[in-house]
Protein backbone atom coordinates (compact mmCIF):
# COMPACT_ATOMS: atom_id res chain seq x y z
CA UNK A 1 0.00 0.00 0.00
CA UNK A 2 2.71 2.49 0.98
CA UNK A 3 4.78 1.76 -2.14
CA UNK A 4 1.71 2.14 -4.36
CA UNK A 5 0.91 5.56 -2.85
CA UNK A 6 4.51 6.72 -3.32
CA UNK A 7 4.43 5.50 -6.92
CA UNK A 8 1.29 7.54 -7.54
CA UNK A 9 2.33 10.78 -5.80
CA UNK A 10 5.99 10.89 -6.90
CA UNK A 11 5.26 11.60 -10.61
CA UNK A 12 2.97 14.49 -9.63
CA UNK A 13 5.63 15.99 -7.39
CA UNK A 14 8.23 15.54 -10.14
CA UNK A 15 5.98 17.26 -12.72
CA UNK A 16 5.38 20.20 -10.37
CA UNK A 17 9.13 20.55 -9.75
CA UNK A 18 9.86 20.50 -13.48
CA UNK A 19 7.16 23.09 -14.18
CA UNK A 20 8.58 25.32 -11.46
CA UNK A 21 12.18 25.18 -12.69
CA UNK A 22 11.37 25.34 -16.41
CA UNK A 23 8.52 27.86 -16.48
CA UNK A 24 7.78 29.73 -13.28
CA UNK A 25 11.27 30.53 -11.99
CA UNK A 26 12.69 31.93 -15.29
CA UNK A 27 9.59 34.10 -15.75
CA UNK A 28 9.99 35.52 -12.23
CA UNK A 29 13.66 36.32 -12.93
CA UNK A 30 12.75 38.07 -16.20
CA UNK A 31 10.03 40.06 -14.49
CA UNK A 32 12.43 41.12 -11.73
CA UNK A 33 15.06 42.34 -14.23
CA UNK A 34 12.44 44.33 -16.18
CA UNK A 35 11.18 45.97 -12.98
CA UNK A 36 14.76 46.81 -11.99
CA UNK A 37 15.44 48.34 -15.41
CA UNK A 38 12.27 50.42 -15.21
CA UNK A 39 13.10 51.67 -11.72
CA UNK A 40 16.68 52.56 -12.76
CA UNK A 41 15.58 54.85 -15.61
CA UNK A 42 17.19 58.28 -15.61
CA UNK A 43 17.06 61.42 -17.68
CA UNK A 44 18.94 61.07 -20.96
CA UNK A 45 18.44 57.30 -21.37
CA UNK A 46 17.49 56.26 -24.90
CA UNK A 47 14.60 53.82 -24.66
CA UNK A 48 12.09 51.79 -26.64
CA UNK A 49 8.51 51.42 -25.42
CA UNK A 50 6.34 48.33 -25.66
CA UNK A 51 4.57 49.97 -28.60
CA UNK A 52 7.85 50.50 -30.45
CA UNK A 53 8.33 54.23 -29.81
CA UNK A 54 12.01 55.22 -29.74
CA UNK A 55 12.95 58.27 -27.73
CA UNK A 56 14.97 59.84 -24.94
CA UNK A 57 13.82 60.17 -21.34
CA UNK A 58 13.25 63.88 -20.75
CA UNK A 59 11.67 63.82 -17.28
CA UNK A 60 10.84 61.20 -14.67
CA UNK A 61 8.05 61.14 -12.13
CA UNK A 62 7.18 58.39 -9.66
CA UNK A 63 4.90 56.46 -12.02
CA UNK A 64 5.37 58.21 -15.36
CA UNK A 65 8.12 59.33 -17.70
CA UNK A 66 8.21 62.02 -20.38
CA UNK A 67 9.81 60.84 -23.61
CA UNK A 68 11.28 63.28 -26.11
CA UNK A 69 10.88 62.01 -29.66
CA UNK A 70 13.02 62.76 -32.70
CA UNK A 71 10.81 65.63 -33.87
CA UNK A 72 11.03 67.34 -30.47
CA UNK A 73 7.57 66.36 -29.24
CA UNK A 74 7.23 65.20 -25.65
CA UNK A 75 4.97 62.29 -24.75
CA UNK A 76 4.02 61.03 -21.29
CA UNK A 77 4.05 57.28 -20.65
CA UNK A 78 3.77 54.98 -17.67
CA UNK A 79 7.09 53.53 -16.51
CA UNK A 80 5.70 50.07 -17.23
CA UNK A 81 5.52 50.89 -20.95
CA UNK A 82 9.32 50.86 -21.29
CA UNK A 83 10.53 47.66 -22.95
CA UNK A 84 14.27 48.28 -23.01
CA UNK A 85 17.01 50.84 -22.52
CA UNK A 86 18.93 51.13 -25.80
CA UNK A 87 21.63 53.41 -24.44
CA UNK A 88 22.10 54.59 -20.87
CA UNK A 89 22.70 58.31 -20.29
CA UNK A 90 26.39 58.00 -19.34
CA UNK A 91 27.15 55.03 -21.60
CA UNK A 92 27.92 57.06 -24.70
CA UNK A 93 30.48 59.20 -22.88
CA UNK A 94 32.15 56.18 -21.26
CA UNK A 95 32.70 54.42 -24.61
CA UNK A 96 34.64 57.35 -26.16
C-alpha atoms as a PDB file:
ATOM      1  CA  UNK A   1       0.000   0.000   0.000  1.00  0.00           C
ATOM      2  CA  UNK A   2       2.709   2.488   0.980  1.00  0.00           C
ATOM      3  CA  UNK A   3       4.784   1.758  -2.143  1.00  0.00           C
ATOM      4  CA  UNK A   4       1.711   2.135  -4.364  1.00  0.00           C
ATOM      5  CA  UNK A   5       0.907   5.556  -2.853  1.00  0.00           C
ATOM      6  CA  UNK A   6       4.507   6.722  -3.324  1.00  0.00           C
ATOM      7  CA  UNK A   7       4.433   5.498  -6.923  1.00  0.00           C
ATOM      8  CA  UNK A   8       1.287   7.544  -7.544  1.00  0.00           C
ATOM      9  CA  UNK A   9       2.332  10.781  -5.796  1.00  0.00           C
ATOM     10  CA  UNK A  10       5.989  10.894  -6.902  1.00  0.00           C
ATOM     11  CA  UNK A  11       5.259  11.596 -10.614  1.00  0.00           C
ATOM     12  CA  UNK A  12       2.974  14.485  -9.634  1.00  0.00           C
ATOM     13  CA  UNK A  13       5.634  15.991  -7.393  1.00  0.00           C
ATOM     14  CA  UNK A  14       8.233  15.537 -10.142  1.00  0.00           C
ATOM     15  CA  UNK A  15       5.975  17.256 -12.716  1.00  0.00           C
ATOM     16  CA  UNK A  16       5.384  20.196 -10.368  1.00  0.00           C
ATOM     17  CA  UNK A  17       9.129  20.553  -9.745  1.00  0.00           C
ATOM     18  CA  UNK A  18       9.864  20.497 -13.485  1.00  0.00           C
ATOM     19  CA  UNK A  19       7.161  23.089 -14.181  1.00  0.00           C
ATOM     20  CA  UNK A  20       8.581  25.322 -11.460  1.00  0.00           C
ATOM     21  CA  UNK A  21      12.183  25.179 -12.688  1.00  0.00           C
ATOM     22  CA  UNK A  22      11.373  25.335 -16.407  1.00  0.00           C
ATOM     23  CA  UNK A  23       8.521  27.860 -16.481  1.00  0.00           C
ATOM     24  CA  UNK A  24       7.778  29.726 -13.279  1.00  0.00           C
ATOM     25  CA  UNK A  25      11.271  30.532 -11.995  1.00  0.00           C
ATOM     26  CA  UNK A  26      12.686  31.926 -15.291  1.00  0.00           C
ATOM     27  CA  UNK A  27       9.587  34.097 -15.745  1.00  0.00           C
ATOM     28  CA  UNK A  28       9.989  35.516 -12.233  1.00  0.00           C
ATOM     29  CA  UNK A  29      13.660  36.324 -12.931  1.00  0.00           C
ATOM     30  CA  UNK A  30      12.752  38.073 -16.201  1.00  0.00           C
ATOM     31  CA  UNK A  31      10.027  40.058 -14.486  1.00  0.00           C
ATOM     32  CA  UNK A  32      12.430  41.117 -11.726  1.00  0.00           C
ATOM     33  CA  UNK A  33      15.057  42.337 -14.234  1.00  0.00           C
ATOM     34  CA  UNK A  34      12.438  44.332 -16.176  1.00  0.00           C
ATOM     35  CA  UNK A  35      11.175  45.968 -12.982  1.00  0.00           C
ATOM     36  CA  UNK A  36      14.764  46.805 -11.985  1.00  0.00           C
ATOM     37  CA  UNK A  37      15.445  48.338 -15.411  1.00  0.00           C
ATOM     38  CA  UNK A  38      12.267  50.424 -15.212  1.00  0.00           C
ATOM     39  CA  UNK A  39      13.097  51.672 -11.723  1.00  0.00           C
ATOM     40  CA  UNK A  40      16.680  52.565 -12.759  1.00  0.00           C
ATOM     41  CA  UNK A  41      15.577  54.852 -15.608  1.00  0.00           C
ATOM     42  CA  UNK A  42      17.192  58.279 -15.611  1.00  0.00           C
ATOM     43  CA  UNK A  43      17.064  61.424 -17.681  1.00  0.00           C
ATOM     44  CA  UNK A  44      18.941  61.069 -20.957  1.00  0.00           C
ATOM     45  CA  UNK A  45      18.441  57.303 -21.372  1.00  0.00           C
ATOM     46  CA  UNK A  46      17.493  56.261 -24.903  1.00  0.00           C
ATOM     47  CA  UNK A  47      14.604  53.819 -24.656  1.00  0.00           C
ATOM     48  CA  UNK A  48      12.089  51.791 -26.644  1.00  0.00           C
ATOM     49  CA  UNK A  49       8.509  51.419 -25.416  1.00  0.00           C
ATOM     50  CA  UNK A  50       6.343  48.332 -25.659  1.00  0.00           C
ATOM     51  CA  UNK A  51       4.568  49.965 -28.604  1.00  0.00           C
ATOM     52  CA  UNK A  52       7.853  50.503 -30.451  1.00  0.00           C
ATOM     53  CA  UNK A  53       8.329  54.231 -29.812  1.00  0.00           C
ATOM     54  CA  UNK A  54      12.007  55.222 -29.737  1.00  0.00           C
ATOM     55  CA  UNK A  55      12.954  58.275 -27.729  1.00  0.00           C
ATOM     56  CA  UNK A  56      14.967  59.841 -24.944  1.00  0.00           C
ATOM     57  CA  UNK A  57      13.819  60.167 -21.337  1.00  0.00           C
ATOM     58  CA  UNK A  58      13.248  63.879 -20.750  1.00  0.00           C
ATOM     59  CA  UNK A  59      11.674  63.823 -17.280  1.00  0.00           C
ATOM     60  CA  UNK A  60      10.837  61.203 -14.673  1.00  0.00           C
ATOM     61  CA  UNK A  61       8.050  61.136 -12.127  1.00  0.00           C
ATOM     62  CA  UNK A  62       7.180  58.391  -9.660  1.00  0.00           C
ATOM     63  CA  UNK A  63       4.898  56.464 -12.020  1.00  0.00           C
ATOM     64  CA  UNK A  64       5.369  58.206 -15.364  1.00  0.00           C
ATOM     65  CA  UNK A  65       8.117  59.330 -17.701  1.00  0.00           C
ATOM     66  CA  UNK A  66       8.211  62.024 -20.380  1.00  0.00           C
ATOM     67  CA  UNK A  67       9.806  60.837 -23.611  1.00  0.00           C
ATOM     68  CA  UNK A  68      11.284  63.278 -26.106  1.00  0.00           C
ATOM     69  CA  UNK A  69      10.878  62.012 -29.657  1.00  0.00           C
ATOM     70  CA  UNK A  70      13.025  62.761 -32.699  1.00  0.00           C
ATOM     71  CA  UNK A  71      10.809  65.631 -33.868  1.00  0.00           C
ATOM     72  CA  UNK A  72      11.028  67.339 -30.469  1.00  0.00           C
ATOM     73  CA  UNK A  73       7.573  66.362 -29.245  1.00  0.00           C
ATOM     74  CA  UNK A  74       7.231  65.199 -25.655  1.00  0.00           C
ATOM     75  CA  UNK A  75       4.970  62.285 -24.754  1.00  0.00           C
ATOM     76  CA  UNK A  76       4.017  61.032 -21.294  1.00  0.00           C
ATOM     77  CA  UNK A  77       4.053  57.281 -20.650  1.00  0.00           C
ATOM     78  CA  UNK A  78       3.772  54.978 -17.665  1.00  0.00           C
ATOM     79  CA  UNK A  79       7.091  53.526 -16.512  1.00  0.00           C
ATOM     80  CA  UNK A  80       5.696  50.068 -17.227  1.00  0.00           C
ATOM     81  CA  UNK A  81       5.523  50.895 -20.950  1.00  0.00           C
ATOM     82  CA  UNK A  82       9.319  50.863 -21.286  1.00  0.00           C
ATOM     83  CA  UNK A  83      10.526  47.663 -22.954  1.00  0.00           C
ATOM     84  CA  UNK A  84      14.267  48.283 -23.006  1.00  0.00           C
ATOM     85  CA  UNK A  85      17.008  50.845 -22.523  1.00  0.00           C
ATOM     86  CA  UNK A  86      18.927  51.132 -25.795  1.00  0.00           C
ATOM     87  CA  UNK A  87      21.632  53.413 -24.440  1.00  0.00           C
ATOM     88  CA  UNK A  88      22.105  54.594 -20.875  1.00  0.00           C
ATOM     89  CA  UNK A  89      22.697  58.311 -20.287  1.00  0.00           C
ATOM     90  CA  UNK A  90      26.391  57.999 -19.343  1.00  0.00           C
ATOM     91  CA  UNK A  91      27.145  55.025 -21.601  1.00  0.00           C
ATOM     92  CA  UNK A  92      27.922  57.063 -24.704  1.00  0.00           C
ATOM     93  CA  UNK A  93      30.475  59.196 -22.882  1.00  0.00           C
ATOM     94  CA  UNK A  94      32.150  56.182 -21.262  1.00  0.00           C
ATOM     95  CA  UNK A  95      32.704  54.422 -24.612  1.00  0.00           C
ATOM     96  CA  UNK A  96      34.636  57.350 -26.161  1.00  0.00           C
END
